[in-house]
Protein backbone atom coordinates (compact mmCIF):
# COMPACT_ATOMS: atom_id res chain seq x y z
CA MET A 1 0.19 0.28 -0.21
CA THR A 2 1.24 3.43 -0.91
CA ILE A 3 1.08 6.50 1.35
CA PRO A 4 0.10 9.09 -0.66
CA LEU A 5 2.04 12.58 0.10
CA LEU A 6 1.03 14.38 2.95
CA ASP A 7 0.29 17.42 3.35
CA TYR A 8 2.79 20.65 4.59
CA SER A 9 2.66 24.03 4.36
CA PRO A 10 4.78 26.62 2.58
CA LYS A 11 6.68 29.09 3.54
CA SER A 12 8.03 32.46 2.21
CA GLN A 13 11.24 31.57 0.01
CA ASN A 14 13.25 33.93 -1.96
CA HIS A 15 11.80 31.65 -5.06
CA ARG A 16 7.94 33.37 -3.93
CA VAL A 17 8.87 36.62 -4.39
CA ALA A 18 8.12 38.24 -7.56
CA ALA A 19 10.82 39.20 -10.05
CA TYR A 20 10.77 43.21 -10.53
CA GLU A 21 14.68 43.70 -11.07
CA ILE A 22 15.96 44.01 -14.20
CA PRO A 23 17.82 40.76 -15.11
CA GLY A 24 21.67 40.99 -14.60
CA ASP A 25 24.99 38.13 -13.86
CA GLU A 26 23.26 37.36 -10.64
CA GLN A 27 19.86 35.92 -12.00
CA PRO A 28 19.59 32.41 -13.43
CA ARG A 29 20.15 31.79 -17.39
CA ILE A 30 17.04 29.97 -18.51
CA TYR A 31 17.45 27.57 -21.37
CA THR A 32 14.28 26.20 -23.25
CA GLY A 33 13.84 23.85 -26.06
CA GLU A 34 10.90 26.19 -27.69
CA LYS A 35 13.23 27.79 -29.23
CA LEU A 36 16.61 25.80 -30.70
CA PHE A 37 17.58 27.27 -33.86
CA SER A 38 21.13 25.94 -33.97
CA PRO A 39 22.97 22.65 -32.62
CA THR A 40 24.91 24.92 -30.61
CA ASP A 41 21.86 25.92 -28.80
CA ALA A 42 20.95 22.87 -28.00
CA ASN A 43 24.19 21.46 -27.20
CA GLU A 44 23.67 24.37 -24.35
CA LEU A 45 20.24 23.26 -23.24
CA ILE A 46 21.69 19.71 -22.82
CA TRP A 47 24.93 20.71 -20.88
CA ALA A 48 22.51 22.59 -18.72
CA ALA A 49 20.34 20.18 -17.81
CA TYR A 50 23.06 18.08 -17.42
CA ARG A 51 24.87 20.80 -14.61
CA GLN A 52 21.63 21.09 -13.10
CA ILE A 53 20.90 17.33 -12.35
CA PHE A 54 24.52 16.15 -11.54
CA ASN A 55 25.94 19.31 -10.54
CA GLU A 56 29.37 20.39 -11.76
CA GLN A 57 31.07 18.23 -9.25
CA GLN A 58 29.57 14.72 -11.18
CA ILE A 59 30.05 16.36 -14.89
CA ILE A 60 32.17 13.51 -16.32
CA SER A 61 32.08 11.52 -19.71
CA SER A 62 30.57 8.33 -18.36
CA ASN A 63 27.44 10.19 -16.72
CA ARG A 64 26.17 11.46 -20.71
CA GLN A 65 23.38 9.74 -22.14
CA LYS A 66 24.05 10.33 -25.97
CA ALA A 67 20.98 8.16 -27.11
CA LEU A 68 18.88 10.51 -25.09
CA GLU A 69 20.64 13.50 -26.43
CA SER A 70 20.11 12.74 -29.75
CA GLN A 71 16.45 12.14 -29.11
CA LEU A 72 16.33 15.56 -27.38
CA LYS A 73 18.09 17.30 -30.40
CA ASN A 74 15.71 15.62 -33.07
CA ARG A 75 12.37 16.42 -30.86
CA GLN A 76 11.35 12.97 -30.09
CA ILE A 77 11.33 13.48 -26.47
CA THR A 78 10.31 16.73 -24.44
CA VAL A 79 13.03 18.55 -22.05
CA ARG A 80 11.31 17.62 -18.81
CA ASP A 81 11.46 13.39 -20.35
CA PHE A 82 15.26 14.18 -20.88
CA ILE A 83 15.31 15.24 -16.80
CA ARG A 84 13.27 12.07 -16.21
CA ALA A 85 15.38 10.32 -17.53
CA LEU A 86 18.84 11.42 -16.11
CA LEU A 87 16.92 11.04 -12.46
CA LEU A 88 16.30 7.29 -13.64
CA SER A 89 19.62 6.58 -15.05
CA ASP A 90 21.91 4.01 -13.59
CA CYS A 91 24.70 6.76 -13.27
CA PHE A 92 22.67 9.29 -10.71
CA ARG A 93 21.36 6.18 -8.99
CA TRP A 94 24.36 5.14 -7.93
CA ARG A 95 26.48 8.38 -7.03
CA ASN A 96 23.29 10.15 -5.57
CA TYR A 97 20.46 7.61 -4.62
CA GLU A 98 22.77 4.91 -2.91
CA PRO A 99 25.40 6.52 -0.96
CA ASN A 100 22.40 9.06 0.48
CA ASN A 101 19.81 8.15 3.00
CA ASN A 102 15.68 9.09 1.56
CA TYR A 103 15.79 12.48 3.76
CA ARG A 104 19.63 13.69 2.12
CA PHE A 105 18.03 12.10 -1.40
CA VAL A 106 14.56 14.24 -1.67
CA GLN A 107 15.86 17.56 -0.11
CA MET A 108 18.80 17.03 -3.64
CA CYS A 109 15.76 16.19 -5.95
CA VAL A 110 13.93 18.80 -4.54
CA GLN A 111 16.51 21.48 -4.92
CA ARG A 112 17.38 20.24 -8.17
CA VAL A 113 14.29 19.18 -9.92
CA LEU A 114 11.89 22.20 -7.99
CA GLY A 115 14.74 24.55 -8.19
CA ARG A 116 13.99 25.43 -4.34
CA ASP A 117 14.96 24.00 -1.16
CA VAL A 118 12.65 22.54 1.55
CA TYR A 119 10.64 24.41 3.15
CA HIS A 120 11.19 22.74 6.45
CA GLU A 121 11.61 18.92 7.91
CA ARG A 122 7.79 17.86 7.19
CA GLU A 123 8.21 18.60 3.20
CA LYS A 124 11.53 15.98 3.75
CA ILE A 125 9.58 13.66 5.61
CA ALA A 126 6.73 13.79 3.33
CA TRP A 127 8.75 13.37 0.14
CA SER A 128 10.91 10.50 2.20
CA MET A 129 7.43 8.57 2.43
CA VAL A 130 6.73 8.71 -0.69
CA LEU A 131 9.73 7.70 -1.89
CA ALA A 132 10.05 4.93 0.59
CA SER A 133 6.57 3.27 -0.71
CA LYS A 134 6.37 3.91 -4.60
CA GLY A 135 9.90 3.67 -5.55
CA LEU A 136 12.64 6.24 -7.02
CA GLN A 137 10.91 6.02 -10.30
CA GLU A 138 7.23 7.01 -9.26
CA PHE A 139 8.77 9.49 -6.68
CA VAL A 140 10.50 10.95 -9.87
CA ASP A 141 7.18 11.29 -11.58
CA ASP A 142 5.24 13.38 -8.79
CA LEU A 143 7.85 15.93 -8.88
CA LEU A 144 7.65 16.01 -12.51
CA ASN A 145 3.75 15.95 -12.94
CA SER A 146 3.57 17.82 -9.61
CA ASP A 147 1.71 21.53 -10.59
CA GLU A 148 4.85 23.59 -8.97
CA TYR A 149 7.18 21.62 -11.43
CA LEU A 150 4.65 21.96 -14.56
CA THR A 151 3.70 25.92 -13.43
CA ASN A 152 7.28 26.83 -13.18
CA PHE A 153 9.14 24.78 -15.77
CA GLY A 154 6.35 23.17 -18.24
CA TYR A 155 7.52 20.87 -20.78
CA ASP A 156 10.39 22.23 -22.47
CA THR A 157 12.26 24.82 -19.57
CA VAL A 158 15.41 23.06 -17.62
CA PRO A 159 14.85 23.61 -14.20
CA TYR A 160 16.91 26.29 -12.19
CA GLN A 161 17.23 27.87 -9.26
CA ARG A 162 14.46 30.36 -8.62
CA ARG A 163 15.40 33.81 -7.37
CA ARG A 164 18.88 32.98 -5.66
CA ILE A 165 19.50 36.66 -4.80
CA LEU A 166 16.73 39.74 -3.78
CA PRO A 167 17.93 43.33 -3.98
CA GLN A 168 17.25 44.48 -0.39
CA ARG A 169 19.08 41.34 1.23
CA THR A 170 23.06 41.72 1.73
CA LEU A 171 23.23 37.68 1.19
CA GLY A 172 21.40 35.26 -1.04
CA GLU A 173 20.97 31.64 -0.65
CA LEU A 174 23.93 29.62 -1.78
CA PRO A 175 24.26 27.64 -4.71
CA PHE A 176 22.81 24.18 -4.76
CA ALA A 177 25.81 23.01 -6.01
CA ARG A 178 27.73 23.23 -2.79
CA MET A 179 25.84 20.93 -1.46
CA PRO A 180 27.99 17.68 -1.33
CA ARG A 181 26.60 14.63 -3.10
CA TYR A 182 26.85 12.47 -0.39
CA GLY A 183 26.63 13.41 3.34
CA GLU A 184 28.71 12.64 6.98
CA GLU A 185 27.17 8.95 7.38
CA HIS A 186 28.48 7.93 3.87
CA ARG A 187 31.42 9.01 4.64
CA GLN A 188 31.98 7.47 7.64
CA LYS A 189 30.89 4.16 5.92
CA LEU A 190 33.93 4.88 3.82
CA GLU A 191 36.15 5.63 6.24
CA ALA A 192 35.54 2.24 8.04
CA MET A 193 35.73 0.25 4.60
CA GLY A 194 39.37 1.55 4.88
CA TYR A 195 39.11 4.45 1.78
CA PHE A 196 40.65 7.26 3.59
CA ALA A 197 43.55 5.55 5.06
CA GLY A 198 46.05 5.43 2.75
CA MET A 199 45.01 9.09 1.70
CA ARG A 200 45.99 10.55 5.13
CA ASP A 201 49.41 9.06 4.90
CA LEU A 202 49.68 9.95 1.22
CA LEU A 203 48.58 13.81 2.19
CA ALA A 204 50.50 14.16 5.60
CA PRO A 205 54.11 15.66 5.30
CA ARG A 206 57.10 13.80 5.08
CA TRP A 207 58.34 14.89 8.27
CA GLN A 208 55.54 13.11 10.81
CA TRP A 209 55.13 9.88 8.89
CA GLN A 210 58.68 8.91 7.72
CA LYS A 211 61.62 10.43 9.61
CA PRO A 212 65.06 10.10 8.22
CA PRO A 213 67.01 7.63 10.68
CA TYR A 214 69.91 10.46 12.09
CA PRO A 215 72.67 8.39 14.18
CA ALA A 216 72.74 8.66 18.12
CA GLY A 217 76.26 10.45 17.64
CA LEU A 218 75.10 13.08 15.65
CA ILE A 219 71.91 14.05 17.54
CA LEU A 220 74.05 14.30 20.38
CA ALA A 221 76.58 16.41 18.71
CA GLY A 222 73.58 18.44 17.67
CA LYS A 223 71.87 19.01 21.44
CA ILE A 224 75.55 19.86 22.57
CA ILE A 225 76.13 22.51 19.87
CA THR A 226 72.80 24.13 20.77
CA PHE A 227 73.27 23.93 24.46
CA THR A 228 76.70 25.37 24.05
CA GLY A 229 75.56 28.45 22.01
CA ALA A 230 72.52 29.11 23.99
CA GLY A 231 74.92 29.64 26.79
CA LEU A 232 77.37 32.07 25.07
CA LEU A 233 74.67 33.91 23.92
CA THR A 234 73.37 34.58 27.76
CA LEU A 235 76.94 35.34 28.77
CA GLY A 236 77.01 37.57 25.87
CA VAL A 237 73.74 39.27 26.83
CA ILE A 238 74.43 39.71 30.30
CA ALA A 239 78.46 40.73 29.63
CA THR A 240 77.12 43.90 27.73
CA ALA A 241 74.31 44.59 30.21
CA LEU A 242 77.25 44.90 33.01
CA ALA A 243 79.32 47.02 30.57
CA ALA A 244 76.28 49.86 29.90
CA TRP A 245 75.91 50.38 33.54
CA GLY A 246 79.65 50.51 34.24
CA ILE A 247 80.25 47.76 36.06
CA ILE A 248 83.01 46.48 33.62
CA SER A 249 84.86 47.14 30.81
CA LEU A 250 84.62 45.71 27.60
């Protein structure tokens, strides 16, 4: 038995504020499939879709879906279909779904698909229950079929982070790309499996983990020289002070 999406109340966020400013560098660039006049336009739209769904930290050649790219360029599928296929691809599942718990994965998908952060923990729990009861495919379908997605992006626009910066605020929301692809929980599992043990030794300074074998006599001679020099320096300072006071003459 599947559990329907629980009710949750939206709160005021930047993306819910109407935009009246003149578009500039801080506003997101909108890529839409409604007007693709050249192969260059299509390639830029495809690149924007990969950057939105995988983030720049995961844009690698093995994540490309060339068959889907060809279908999109030939107008056999819509941009929304392309986004759906990326979310359900094996590489997205392996790099994002499997390393994270449901709560974190829901937050990532809301950011990348709906273009905003989750409102609060109640929304995160509500979508997590959909993911747990219906599975990944129906969870993705519910996001893409939601009124919020269709109203803001429709069938031909690549999702983007909406209204990240407001003119009257000194600081806006951080780009969603700043969020790591997996949390501390998965990192602890990797450390327990020994993934980072060799890396710590590799990154440690040489003198900390591989001290050169100095002979014992050389170490003793160094200590004698150090203490002798310190003693002579102390005597020199005392003599200079006594000479300055006229007690002795140099």
